[in-house]
Protein backbone atom coordinates (compact mmCIF):
# COMPACT_ATOMS: atom_id res chain seq x y z
CA MET A 1 31.05 -13.82 -11.27
CA LYS A 2 28.51 -12.18 -9.15
CA LYS A 3 25.59 -13.45 -11.06
CA ILE A 4 27.17 -17.23 -10.90
CA ILE A 5 27.46 -17.00 -7.16
CA LEU A 6 23.67 -15.35 -6.79
CA LEU A 7 22.31 -18.54 -8.86
CA VAL A 8 24.26 -20.92 -6.71
CA THR A 9 22.64 -19.36 -3.88
CA ILE A 10 19.34 -19.47 -5.19
CA PHE A 11 19.86 -23.34 -5.77
CA ILE A 12 20.90 -23.91 -2.53
CA THR A 13 17.70 -21.95 -1.08
CA PHE A 14 15.57 -24.03 -3.25
CA CYS A 15 17.21 -27.27 -1.80
CA ALA A 16 17.03 -26.07 1.67
CA THR A 17 13.58 -25.31 1.58
CA ALA A 18 12.36 -28.46 -0.10
CA GLN A 19 14.51 -30.38 2.46
CA THR A 20 13.18 -28.84 5.35
CA ASN A 21 9.69 -27.46 4.31
CA ILE A 22 10.68 -24.19 5.27
CA THR A 23 8.39 -21.61 3.82
CA ILE A 24 9.36 -17.95 4.07
CA VAL A 25 7.35 -15.35 2.03
CA PRO A 26 8.93 -13.11 0.36
CA ARG A 27 11.96 -15.34 -0.42
CA PRO A 28 15.06 -14.38 1.11
CA VAL A 29 18.13 -13.35 -0.82
CA GLU A 30 20.19 -16.15 0.55
CA LEU A 31 18.96 -18.91 2.73
CA THR A 32 21.00 -22.08 3.69
CA SER A 33 19.25 -24.71 5.71
CA HIS A 34 21.55 -26.55 8.66
CA GLU A 35 20.85 -29.77 10.55
CA GLY A 36 19.31 -29.38 13.83
CA THR A 37 16.85 -26.96 15.64
CA PHE A 38 16.79 -24.36 18.19
CA HIS A 39 14.29 -24.90 21.06
CA LEU A 40 12.25 -21.69 22.18
CA ASN A 41 10.51 -22.06 25.50
CA HIS A 42 9.47 -19.92 28.25
CA SER A 43 12.99 -19.42 29.47
CA THR A 44 14.42 -18.17 26.22
CA VAL A 45 15.25 -14.24 26.42
CA ILE A 46 15.54 -11.44 24.26
CA LEU A 47 18.92 -9.69 24.26
CA ALA A 48 18.83 -6.41 22.63
CA PRO A 49 20.77 -3.08 23.12
CA ALA A 50 18.58 -0.07 24.14
CA THR A 51 18.57 1.24 20.61
CA ALA A 52 16.49 -1.92 19.43
CA THR A 53 14.06 -1.93 22.28
CA HIS A 54 11.19 -0.98 20.01
CA ASP A 55 12.03 -3.93 17.73
CA ALA A 56 12.46 -6.46 20.98
CA THR A 57 8.71 -5.11 22.16
CA MET A 58 7.12 -5.85 18.65
CA LEU A 59 8.97 -9.37 18.70
CA ASN A 60 7.18 -10.02 22.00
CA HIS A 61 3.95 -8.41 20.80
CA TYR A 62 3.93 -10.96 18.13
CA LEU A 63 4.86 -13.86 20.30
CA LYS A 64 1.86 -13.00 22.62
CA LYS A 65 -0.49 -12.70 19.51
CA PHE A 66 0.43 -15.90 18.04
CA TYR A 67 1.72 -18.09 20.89
CA GLY A 68 0.30 -16.60 23.98
CA PHE A 69 3.40 -15.74 25.92
CA SER A 70 6.21 -13.38 25.84
CA LEU A 71 9.74 -13.60 26.80
CA PRO A 72 12.12 -11.31 29.28
CA VAL A 73 14.08 -8.87 27.49
CA ARG A 74 17.36 -7.75 28.66
CA HIS A 75 19.73 -5.16 27.20
CA SER A 76 23.03 -6.65 25.99
CA THR A 77 25.41 -6.19 23.07
CA ALA A 78 24.59 -8.17 20.08
CA GLY A 79 26.68 -11.04 19.43
CA LYS A 80 27.32 -11.68 23.13
CA ALA A 81 27.94 -15.56 23.43
CA THR A 82 24.89 -16.82 25.62
CA LYS A 83 22.67 -19.89 25.33
CA ASN A 84 18.85 -20.09 24.98
CA ALA A 85 18.57 -16.48 23.57
CA ILE A 86 17.15 -14.30 20.63
CA ILE A 87 19.84 -11.90 20.00
CA LEU A 88 19.01 -8.68 18.27
CA GLY A 89 21.82 -6.42 17.02
CA LEU A 90 22.51 -3.59 15.09
CA VAL A 91 25.65 -3.36 12.79
CA LYS A 92 27.60 -0.88 10.69
CA PRO A 93 26.07 -0.49 7.06
CA THR A 94 29.45 -0.44 5.60
CA GLY A 95 29.60 -3.13 2.72
CA LYS A 96 25.96 -3.97 3.46
CA GLU A 97 22.86 -3.41 1.48
CA SER A 98 19.97 -0.96 2.30
CA ASN A 99 17.81 -2.50 5.00
CA GLU A 100 19.68 -5.77 5.37
CA TYR A 101 19.47 -8.15 7.86
CA ASP A 102 21.52 -11.31 8.64
CA MET A 103 20.36 -14.28 10.76
CA THR A 104 22.07 -17.40 11.95
CA ILE A 105 20.10 -19.95 14.06
CA ASP A 106 22.05 -22.62 15.94
CA ASP A 107 21.60 -25.02 19.06
CA ASN A 108 21.93 -22.11 21.66
CA LYS A 109 20.50 -19.04 20.00
CA VAL A 110 18.98 -16.93 17.34
CA ASP A 111 21.36 -13.97 16.03
CA ILE A 112 19.92 -11.29 14.05
CA GLU A 113 21.78 -8.27 13.03
CA GLY A 114 20.39 -5.24 11.11
CA VAL A 115 22.01 -2.32 9.57
CA ASN A 116 19.07 -0.56 11.29
CA ASP A 117 15.98 -0.87 13.00
CA THR A 118 13.86 -1.35 10.18
CA ALA A 119 16.19 -4.11 9.00
CA LEU A 120 15.89 -5.80 12.33
CA PHE A 121 11.89 -5.70 12.03
CA TYR A 122 11.98 -7.57 8.65
CA GLY A 123 14.39 -10.34 10.20
CA ILE A 124 11.77 -10.53 13.01
CA GLN A 125 9.12 -11.18 10.21
CA THR A 126 11.17 -13.71 8.84
CA LEU A 127 11.87 -15.53 12.14
CA LEU A 128 8.03 -15.50 12.77
CA GLN A 129 7.39 -17.58 9.50
CA LEU A 130 10.22 -20.01 10.77
CA MET A 131 8.15 -20.52 13.87
CA PRO A 132 5.16 -23.22 13.67
CA ALA A 133 1.98 -22.07 11.91
CA GLU A 134 -0.22 -23.38 14.58
CA LYS A 135 -0.39 -22.12 18.53
CA LYS A 136 2.06 -23.76 20.89
CA ALA A 137 1.93 -22.13 24.22
CA THR A 138 4.62 -24.38 25.96
CA GLY A 139 7.44 -23.82 23.37
CA PHE A 140 8.72 -25.42 19.95
CA ASP A 141 11.46 -25.96 17.58
CA ILE A 142 12.70 -23.48 14.87
CA PRO A 143 14.87 -24.78 12.01
CA GLN A 144 18.48 -24.06 12.00
CA VAL A 145 19.38 -21.78 9.13
CA SER A 146 21.51 -18.74 7.83
CA ILE A 147 19.98 -16.03 5.97
CA LYS A 148 21.10 -12.86 4.33
CA ASP A 149 18.21 -10.85 3.14
CA TYR A 150 17.58 -7.23 1.92
CA PRO A 151 14.95 -5.68 -0.51
CA ARG A 152 15.09 -5.42 -4.09
CA PHE A 153 13.22 -2.02 -4.01
CA GLN A 154 13.10 0.57 -1.97
CA TYR A 155 9.27 1.32 -2.23
CA ARG A 156 7.06 -1.71 -1.91
CA GLY A 157 3.60 -0.52 -1.40
CA MET A 158 -0.16 -1.47 -1.32
CA HIS A 159 -3.22 0.61 -1.68
CA LEU A 160 -6.56 0.43 0.00
CA ASP A 161 -9.84 2.23 -1.56
CA VAL A 162 -11.81 3.24 1.51
CA SER A 163 -14.12 5.69 -0.39
CA ARG A 164 -16.37 3.32 -2.43
CA HIS A 165 -16.74 1.00 0.80
CA PHE A 166 -15.58 2.21 4.21
CA PHE A 167 -13.31 0.00 6.41
CA GLY A 168 -12.79 0.90 10.22
CA VAL A 169 -9.95 1.45 12.21
CA ASP A 170 -10.00 -2.06 13.32
CA ASP A 171 -9.77 -2.95 9.81
CA ILE A 172 -7.04 -0.65 8.49
CA LYS A 173 -5.04 -1.76 11.30
CA LYS A 174 -5.67 -5.42 10.32
CA TYR A 175 -4.74 -4.33 6.78
CA ILE A 176 -1.50 -2.75 8.09
CA ASP A 177 -0.70 -5.95 9.83
CA PHE A 178 -0.81 -8.00 6.68
CA LEU A 179 1.55 -5.63 4.95
CA ALA A 180 4.22 -5.62 8.01
CA TYR A 181 4.07 -9.46 7.75
CA GLN A 182 4.97 -9.72 4.33
CA LYS A 183 7.62 -6.81 4.52
CA PHE A 184 5.75 -3.96 2.69
CA ASN A 185 6.83 -0.44 3.58
CA THR A 186 4.15 1.75 2.21
CA PHE A 187 0.45 2.00 2.77
CA HIS A 188 -1.45 4.11 -0.02
CA TRP A 189 -4.62 5.19 1.74
CA HIS A 190 -7.26 6.36 -0.87
CA LEU A 191 -9.33 8.57 1.44
CA THR A 192 -11.51 10.61 -0.93
CA ASP A 193 -13.45 10.03 -4.26
CA ASP A 194 -16.65 10.55 -5.83
CA GLN A 195 -18.36 8.06 -3.53
CA GLY A 196 -17.51 9.40 -0.33
CA TRP A 197 -14.85 11.85 1.89
CA ARG A 198 -13.56 9.74 4.49
CA ILE A 199 -11.04 12.21 6.40
CA GLU A 200 -11.90 14.75 8.95
CA ILE A 201 -11.15 18.29 8.01
CA LYS A 202 -11.79 20.67 10.97
CA ARG A 203 -11.95 23.65 8.91
CA TYR A 204 -14.37 22.22 6.37
CA GLN A 205 -16.96 20.16 8.52
CA LYS A 206 -19.24 19.64 5.80
CA LEU A 207 -16.87 17.36 4.17
CA THR A 208 -17.50 14.72 6.77
CA SER A 209 -21.25 15.64 7.58
CA VAL A 210 -22.24 15.79 4.02
CA GLY A 211 -19.44 14.38 1.72
CA ALA A 212 -18.78 11.24 3.96
CA TYR A 213 -22.33 9.74 3.28
CA ARG A 214 -24.36 8.78 0.15
CA ASN A 215 -27.97 8.21 -0.03
CA GLY A 216 -27.67 4.54 -1.47
CA THR A 217 -25.53 2.44 -3.57
CA ILE A 218 -26.25 0.49 -6.82
CA ILE A 219 -27.09 -3.29 -6.47
CA GLY A 220 -24.69 -5.54 -8.33
CA HIS A 221 -22.54 -4.72 -11.12
CA TYR A 222 -22.51 -1.27 -12.78
CA PRO A 223 -25.07 -0.12 -14.03
CA GLY A 224 -26.56 -2.17 -11.39
CA THR A 225 -30.03 -3.74 -10.89
CA GLY A 226 -31.47 -1.10 -8.19
CA ASN A 227 -30.61 0.77 -5.66
CA ASP A 228 -30.68 -0.32 -2.08
CA GLY A 229 -31.73 3.24 -0.62
CA LYS A 230 -29.60 2.92 2.29
CA ARG A 231 -27.58 5.80 3.71
CA TYR A 232 -24.21 4.47 3.64
CA GLY A 233 -20.88 6.14 4.77
CA GLY A 234 -18.26 6.84 7.58
CA PHE A 235 -15.20 8.63 8.12
CA TYR A 236 -11.89 8.91 10.33
CA THR A 237 -11.57 11.43 12.75
CA GLN A 238 -8.12 13.23 13.09
CA GLU A 239 -7.41 11.40 16.41
CA GLN A 240 -8.12 7.98 14.74
CA VAL A 241 -5.97 8.99 11.95
CA LYS A 242 -3.18 9.86 14.45
CA GLU A 243 -3.74 6.43 15.89
CA ILE A 244 -3.52 4.58 12.56
CA VAL A 245 -0.36 6.63 11.65
CA LYS A 246 1.47 5.58 14.64
CA TYR A 247 0.21 2.17 14.29
CA ALA A 248 1.73 1.75 11.00
CA LYS A 249 4.89 3.87 11.96
CA ASP A 250 5.43 1.17 14.91
CA ARG A 251 5.59 -1.71 12.04
CA TYR A 252 7.93 0.64 9.71
CA ILE A 253 5.30 1.43 7.43
CA THR A 254 4.69 4.80 5.99
CA ILE A 255 1.10 5.91 4.91
CA ILE A 256 0.68 7.99 2.11
CA PRO A 257 -2.66 9.82 2.03
CA GLU A 258 -4.61 10.39 -1.12
CA ILE A 259 -6.60 13.44 -1.74
CA GLU A 260 -8.16 13.18 -5.21
CA MET A 261 -7.97 16.18 -7.54
CA PRO A 262 -9.01 17.79 -9.90
CA GLY A 263 -11.42 14.68 -10.94
CA HIS A 264 -13.14 12.18 -8.51
CA SER A 265 -14.35 14.95 -6.50
CA SER A 266 -17.98 14.79 -6.25
CA ALA A 267 -18.29 14.19 -2.60
CA ALA A 268 -16.52 17.22 -1.91
CA ILE A 269 -18.51 19.22 -4.34
CA ALA A 270 -21.63 17.72 -2.52
CA ALA A 271 -20.59 19.58 0.36
CA TYR A 272 -19.13 22.75 -1.18
CA PRO A 273 -20.87 23.27 -4.38
CA GLN A 274 -18.69 26.18 -5.08
CA LEU A 275 -15.87 24.13 -5.88
CA SER A 276 -17.67 23.08 -9.28
CA CYS A 277 -17.55 25.13 -12.39
CA PHE A 278 -21.43 25.18 -12.29
CA PRO A 279 -22.51 25.21 -8.38
CA ASN A 280 -25.93 25.59 -9.33
CA GLU A 281 -26.46 22.74 -11.61
CA SER A 282 -27.50 19.49 -9.89
CA THR A 283 -25.30 16.44 -9.90
CA PRO A 284 -25.65 14.58 -13.20
CA ILE A 285 -26.89 11.17 -12.83
CA PRO A 286 -25.33 8.51 -15.15
CA PRO A 287 -27.92 6.76 -17.47
CA HIS A 288 -29.55 3.37 -16.75
CA THR A 289 -28.57 3.72 -13.06
CA SER A 290 -31.01 3.77 -9.98
CA TRP A 291 -30.94 6.64 -7.67
CA SER A 292 -32.15 7.03 -4.14
CA GLY A 293 -33.52 10.23 -2.70
CA SER A 294 -33.51 13.86 -4.13
CA LYS A 295 -31.94 14.53 -7.68
CA THR A 296 -31.93 18.15 -6.97
CA GLY A 297 -28.71 19.82 -6.16
CA LYS A 298 -25.25 18.21 -5.45
CA HIS A 299 -24.81 14.90 -4.14
CA VAL A 300 -22.51 12.32 -3.28
CA GLN A 301 -22.43 9.53 -6.09
CA GLN A 302 -24.15 6.40 -5.62
CA THR A 303 -22.75 4.36 -8.44
CA TRP A 304 -19.37 3.92 -9.82
CA GLY A 305 -17.35 5.37 -12.72
CA ILE A 306 -16.06 8.70 -13.84
CA PHE A 307 -17.98 11.97 -13.49
CA THR A 308 -18.24 15.06 -15.11
CA ASP A 309 -18.44 17.65 -12.13
CA VAL A 310 -15.05 17.98 -11.23
CA TYR A 311 -13.07 20.89 -9.29
CA CYS A 312 -13.04 24.23 -11.06
CA PRO A 313 -9.51 25.54 -11.26
CA SER A 314 -10.46 28.73 -9.34
CA ASP A 315 -8.98 30.79 -6.67
CA TYR A 316 -11.86 29.33 -4.24
CA THR A 317 -10.88 25.89 -5.12
CA PHE A 318 -6.96 26.38 -4.60
CA HIS A 319 -7.39 28.12 -1.24
CA PHE A 320 -9.97 25.31 -0.11
CA LEU A 321 -7.46 22.68 -1.31
CA GLU A 322 -4.51 24.22 0.37
CA ASN A 323 -6.29 24.49 3.55
CA VAL A 324 -7.37 20.78 3.31
CA LEU A 325 -3.96 19.96 2.59
CA ASP A 326 -2.64 21.77 5.65
CA GLU A 327 -4.35 19.72 7.92
CA VAL A 328 -3.58 16.50 5.97
CA MET A 329 -0.07 16.97 5.98
CA LYS A 330 -0.22 17.83 9.90
CA LEU A 331 -1.61 14.26 10.37
CA PHE A 332 0.78 12.37 8.01
CA PRO A 333 4.44 12.85 8.13
CA SER A 334 5.19 10.94 4.91
CA LYS A 335 7.47 12.56 2.10
CA TYR A 336 4.96 12.22 -0.47
CA ILE A 337 1.24 13.46 -0.67
CA HIS A 338 -0.78 11.32 -3.25
CA ILE A 339 -2.86 14.10 -5.39
CA GLY A 340 -4.80 11.93 -7.74
CA GLY A 341 -4.67 13.58 -11.09
CA ASP A 342 -6.49 10.53 -12.74
CA GLU A 343 -9.74 10.31 -14.95
CA CYS A 344 -10.49 13.86 -15.13
CA PRO A 345 -13.10 14.59 -17.93
CA LYS A 346 -12.63 17.99 -19.40
CA ASP A 347 -16.37 18.43 -20.51
CA ASN A 348 -17.06 21.11 -17.82
CA TRP A 349 -13.66 23.00 -18.36
CA LYS A 350 -14.70 22.96 -22.18
CA ARG A 351 -18.05 24.73 -21.38
CA SER A 352 -16.92 26.87 -18.66
CA ALA A 353 -16.29 30.48 -19.46
CA PHE A 354 -14.33 31.09 -16.70
CA CYS A 355 -11.69 27.85 -17.70
CA GLN A 356 -11.66 29.02 -21.04
CA LYS A 357 -10.75 32.38 -20.13
CA LEU A 358 -7.89 31.25 -17.65
CA ILE A 359 -6.42 28.85 -20.64
CA LYS A 360 -5.94 31.99 -22.77
CA GLU A 361 -4.59 34.10 -19.75
CA LYS A 362 -2.12 31.68 -18.65
CA GLY A 363 -1.09 30.83 -22.39
CA LEU A 364 -2.20 27.25 -22.02
CA LYS A 365 -2.68 25.19 -25.13
CA ASP A 366 -5.96 23.33 -24.08
CA GLU A 367 -7.99 21.85 -21.29
CA GLU A 368 -5.05 19.24 -20.87
CA GLY A 369 -2.73 22.30 -20.30
CA LEU A 370 -5.41 23.53 -17.84
CA GLN A 371 -4.90 19.90 -15.77
CA SER A 372 -1.12 20.52 -16.06
CA TYR A 373 -1.68 24.10 -14.49
CA PHE A 374 -3.83 22.75 -11.80
CA ILE A 375 -1.24 19.74 -10.85
CA SER A 376 1.63 22.13 -10.85
CA THR A 377 -0.21 24.83 -8.75
CA ILE A 378 -0.90 22.29 -5.93
CA GLU A 379 2.52 20.93 -6.61
CA LYS A 380 4.28 24.08 -5.83
CA TYR A 381 2.07 24.57 -2.57
CA ILE A 382 3.11 21.00 -1.36
CA ASN A 383 6.91 21.68 -2.14
CA SER A 384 6.68 24.84 -0.29
CA LYS A 385 5.87 22.53 2.88
CA GLY A 386 8.88 20.32 2.57
CA ARG A 387 6.92 17.56 0.77
CA ALA A 388 6.58 16.20 -2.67
CA ILE A 389 3.61 14.68 -4.84
CA ILE A 390 2.99 11.56 -6.46
CA GLY A 391 0.02 11.46 -9.05
CA TRP A 392 -1.62 8.58 -11.30
CA ASP A 393 0.05 8.71 -14.57
CA GLU A 394 -2.39 11.43 -16.10
CA ILE A 395 -0.61 13.88 -14.58
CA LEU A 396 2.10 13.42 -17.60
CA GLU A 397 -0.96 14.87 -19.89
CA GLY A 398 -0.12 18.40 -20.79
CA GLY A 399 3.47 18.18 -19.55
CA LEU A 400 4.79 16.49 -16.44
CA ALA A 401 5.03 18.70 -13.07
CA PRO A 402 8.51 19.28 -12.36
CA ASN A 403 9.23 17.28 -9.32
CA ALA A 404 6.34 14.95 -9.38
CA THR A 405 6.47 11.02 -8.94
CA VAL A 406 4.59 9.11 -11.38
CA MET A 407 2.28 6.22 -10.30
CA SER A 408 1.85 4.09 -13.74
CA TRP A 409 -1.38 2.40 -13.80
CA ARG A 410 -2.79 2.31 -17.22
CA GLY A 411 -0.25 -0.22 -18.42
CA GLU A 412 3.61 0.74 -18.21
CA LYS A 413 3.78 3.47 -20.87
CA GLY A 414 3.46 6.36 -18.49
CA GLY A 415 6.24 4.81 -16.28
CA VAL A 416 8.48 4.30 -19.13
CA ALA A 417 7.77 7.92 -20.50
CA ALA A 418 8.38 9.40 -16.92
CA ALA A 419 11.44 7.16 -16.56
CA THR A 420 13.19 7.98 -19.86
CA GLN A 421 12.67 11.66 -18.82
CA HIS A 422 14.76 10.89 -15.48
CA TYR A 423 11.42 11.29 -13.43
CA ASN A 424 10.80 9.03 -10.43
CA VAL A 425 8.17 6.20 -11.01
CA ILE A 426 6.35 3.70 -9.03
CA MET A 427 4.85 0.79 -11.17
CA THR A 428 1.48 -0.18 -10.58
CA PRO A 429 -0.05 -1.52 -14.03
CA GLN A 430 -3.54 -2.46 -13.55
CA GLN A 431 -3.47 -5.76 -15.58
CA TYR A 432 -0.74 -7.11 -12.94
CA THR A 433 -1.29 -5.22 -9.71
CA TYR A 434 -4.85 -4.48 -9.49
CA ILE A 435 -5.57 -7.57 -7.40
CA GLN A 436 -9.40 -7.22 -6.99
CA GLN A 437 -9.88 -7.81 -10.79
CA PRO A 438 -12.00 -9.25 -12.24
CA GLU A 439 -14.54 -7.28 -10.27
CA GLU A 440 -16.54 -10.11 -8.63
CA THR A 441 -19.61 -9.76 -6.17
CA THR A 442 -19.23 -10.80 -2.49
CA ASN A 443 -17.69 -14.22 -1.98
CA GLY A 444 -17.06 -14.51 -5.85
CA GLU A 445 -13.70 -16.00 -6.84
CA GLY A 446 -12.50 -12.68 -7.76
CA GLY A 447 -8.99 -11.59 -8.45
CA LEU A 448 -6.24 -11.55 -11.23
CA PRO A 449 -4.78 -15.00 -11.95
CA LEU A 450 -1.95 -15.80 -9.50
CA GLU A 451 0.52 -16.71 -11.85
CA LYS A 452 0.10 -13.27 -13.52
CA VAL A 453 0.68 -11.46 -10.39
CA TYR A 454 3.56 -13.40 -9.28
CA ASN A 455 5.34 -13.09 -12.81
CA TYR A 456 5.22 -9.39 -13.36
CA GLU A 457 8.40 -7.58 -13.61
CA PRO A 458 8.34 -4.02 -12.15
CA VAL A 459 11.25 -2.75 -14.50
CA PRO A 460 9.98 -2.37 -17.94
CA SER A 461 12.42 -3.98 -20.34
CA GLU A 462 12.44 -0.88 -22.71
CA LEU A 463 14.48 0.74 -20.00
CA THR A 464 18.13 1.04 -20.06
CA SER A 465 20.29 0.56 -16.62
CA ASP A 466 20.43 4.15 -16.10
CA GLU A 467 16.78 4.90 -16.61
CA ALA A 468 15.76 1.78 -14.55
CA LYS A 469 17.09 3.44 -11.43
CA TYR A 470 14.29 5.92 -11.81
CA VAL A 471 11.76 3.01 -10.86
CA LEU A 472 11.54 3.14 -7.10
CA GLY A 473 9.50 0.22 -6.78
CA ALA A 474 5.90 -1.08 -7.17
CA GLN A 475 2.55 -1.35 -5.83
CA GLY A 476 -0.65 -3.49 -5.53
CA CYS A 477 -3.87 -1.65 -5.42
CA PHE A 478 -7.23 -2.65 -4.13
CA TRP A 479 -10.45 -0.89 -5.35
CA THR A 480 -13.38 -1.71 -3.41
CA GLU A 481 -16.63 -1.12 -5.69
CA TYR A 482 -17.50 -4.79 -5.01
CA CYS A 483 -15.72 -5.41 -1.62
CA PRO A 484 -18.00 -4.45 1.12
CA ASN A 485 -16.35 -5.96 4.02
CA MET A 486 -13.01 -7.06 5.59
CA ASN A 487 -13.81 -10.82 5.16
CA ASP A 488 -14.52 -10.30 1.50
CA LEU A 489 -11.47 -8.27 1.15
CA GLU A 490 -9.32 -10.81 2.84
CA TYR A 491 -10.57 -13.51 0.57
CA LYS A 492 -9.54 -11.59 -2.47
CA ILE A 493 -6.08 -10.56 -1.53
CA PHE A 494 -4.85 -13.78 -0.38
CA PRO A 495 -2.39 -15.23 -1.73
CA ARG A 496 -2.00 -12.42 -4.31
CA LEU A 497 -0.68 -10.07 -1.56
CA SER A 498 2.02 -12.79 -0.82
CA ALA A 499 2.74 -12.99 -4.50
CA LEU A 500 3.34 -9.48 -4.80
CA SER A 501 5.47 -9.09 -1.60
CA GLU A 502 7.83 -11.49 -3.51
CA VAL A 503 7.73 -9.56 -6.73
CA PHE A 504 8.76 -6.26 -4.88
CA TRP A 505 11.30 -7.78 -2.44
CA SER A 506 13.20 -11.03 -3.95
CA PRO A 507 15.86 -11.07 -6.38
CA LYS A 508 14.55 -11.34 -10.02
CA GLU A 509 16.66 -14.25 -10.44
CA SER A 510 15.01 -16.12 -7.61
CA LYS A 511 11.44 -16.16 -8.75
CA ASP A 512 9.89 -19.09 -9.58
CA PHE A 513 6.15 -19.66 -9.72
CA ASN A 514 6.26 -23.41 -9.19
CA THR A 515 8.19 -23.40 -6.27
CA PHE A 516 5.91 -20.40 -4.88
CA SER A 517 2.69 -22.58 -5.65
CA SER A 518 4.69 -25.36 -3.78
CA GLU A 519 4.57 -23.38 -0.73
CA LEU A 520 1.00 -22.27 -0.80
CA PRO A 521 -0.06 -24.95 1.41
CA GLY A 522 2.45 -23.60 4.13
CA MET A 523 1.08 -20.11 3.55
CA TYR A 524 -2.51 -21.35 3.92
CA LYS A 525 -1.61 -22.57 7.50
CA ARG A 526 0.07 -19.14 7.98
CA TYR A 527 -2.88 -17.14 7.30
CA GLN A 528 -5.07 -19.27 9.75
CA LEU A 529 -2.63 -18.30 12.30
CA TRP A 530 -2.92 -14.56 11.37
CA GLY A 531 -6.79 -14.99 11.63
CA THR A 532 -7.48 -14.19 8.16
CA ASN A 533 -9.95 -15.28 5.29
CA TYR A 534 -8.42 -16.30 1.97
CA HIS A 535 -8.74 -18.12 -1.18
CA LYS A 536 -7.19 -21.58 -1.94
CA GLU A 537 -5.70 -21.45 -5.33
């Protein structure tokens, strides 16, 4: 019966959308269109209880940003009969879904009720998409609708690599805005890698004075046609990080920082060579690539790929990482800390007398076991601080760390393996969610086929209903080897970001690519209002 009701609701939703040209992405769980409109003008008031003051403030922020005016706010009990008002109200969660909001728009008012502040904010995002996609400073009509809505998954994430190419504070805020508009709730911030360390660590100043800059960058696609010979880099001060964390929090987005280990650590090793198993060896330069500057000593990488100079699992390294993580955890209040764990070559560990001795002392099987030892050592430290780790699915190698959450990127196999063992999983298989692929040059067409992204199903069919509960959600990723600036990034993520938002939020049964495609012209106008670049499909 439940399924029949849902299918009927979906049918009504599709019909209502077709009749009134309503475009809301991600698609709500239930939407019914009614005859008539509500006229919003400068006399409209926002009524909200004191506990919803922040949401009222955010609504005015968006009205000012998009339409050039804001509305007076009055504290009132939600649901109070009134005219010409937007009413924000908090209701008891009994019988409601997590983060559910309900919206009713009639002749006299817009009424949004949420089970919490977050739900109200999601309702506001939906309301904004019911408003015109062009600036109208004197007021406008909003279609009358009834909506019931809530997210399918608790984790709805988007990642950004700022190591290969650096994006400034304003760019990061704009990226967070995009996520908020489409009801994402997690920003995975990839802050360290071989090509640059991007976060200030006060105890280790060389991480940014040395590790944040490379002496050049390859030209074109790997292995490149040359090297530009330009010093490149940048980093975020701790004050800037605090500012960005607050900016995200105001939009109900949690930032999960990623500090890569034990691989992808060239930038840190360039700053502190003792972190390497072979501190006196120069940085290996990949064959057939062009290099700028000195080749002697340790250096930040100038090209893309996987590199053999990785962290040595020594007391010095663990002490260093614990100190780094202490500063990181003070900046980021997130439950999770991402520790990477991917693409760690074992070449140096195999030829290191220290590593081989450690394998024997700890009773480990091999170098894969040594990686598991490395991850579990860091995990225990992070757990001792009241946090939990997320790692790429390589953390499964050599045995899964006991309290880890797996981010399955090399297809779905890692996620299936983890979920069947009752470990939490976030699905991010590269063939569906790495939306910068195929990797194209600046202003290239770039990006996975939109239909492929949209049709992705985050819960693998192999899982039982009980095992599926361990899939917390899914995430899109954007790697920036071939994306040097924000304009290019925007061109490559839209409309794929919108497609992913519907994958992560909307009921599985309501997804329909043809309907989504028909709504793209409306989204293109919305992108223009947001002030973002995009690619017309």
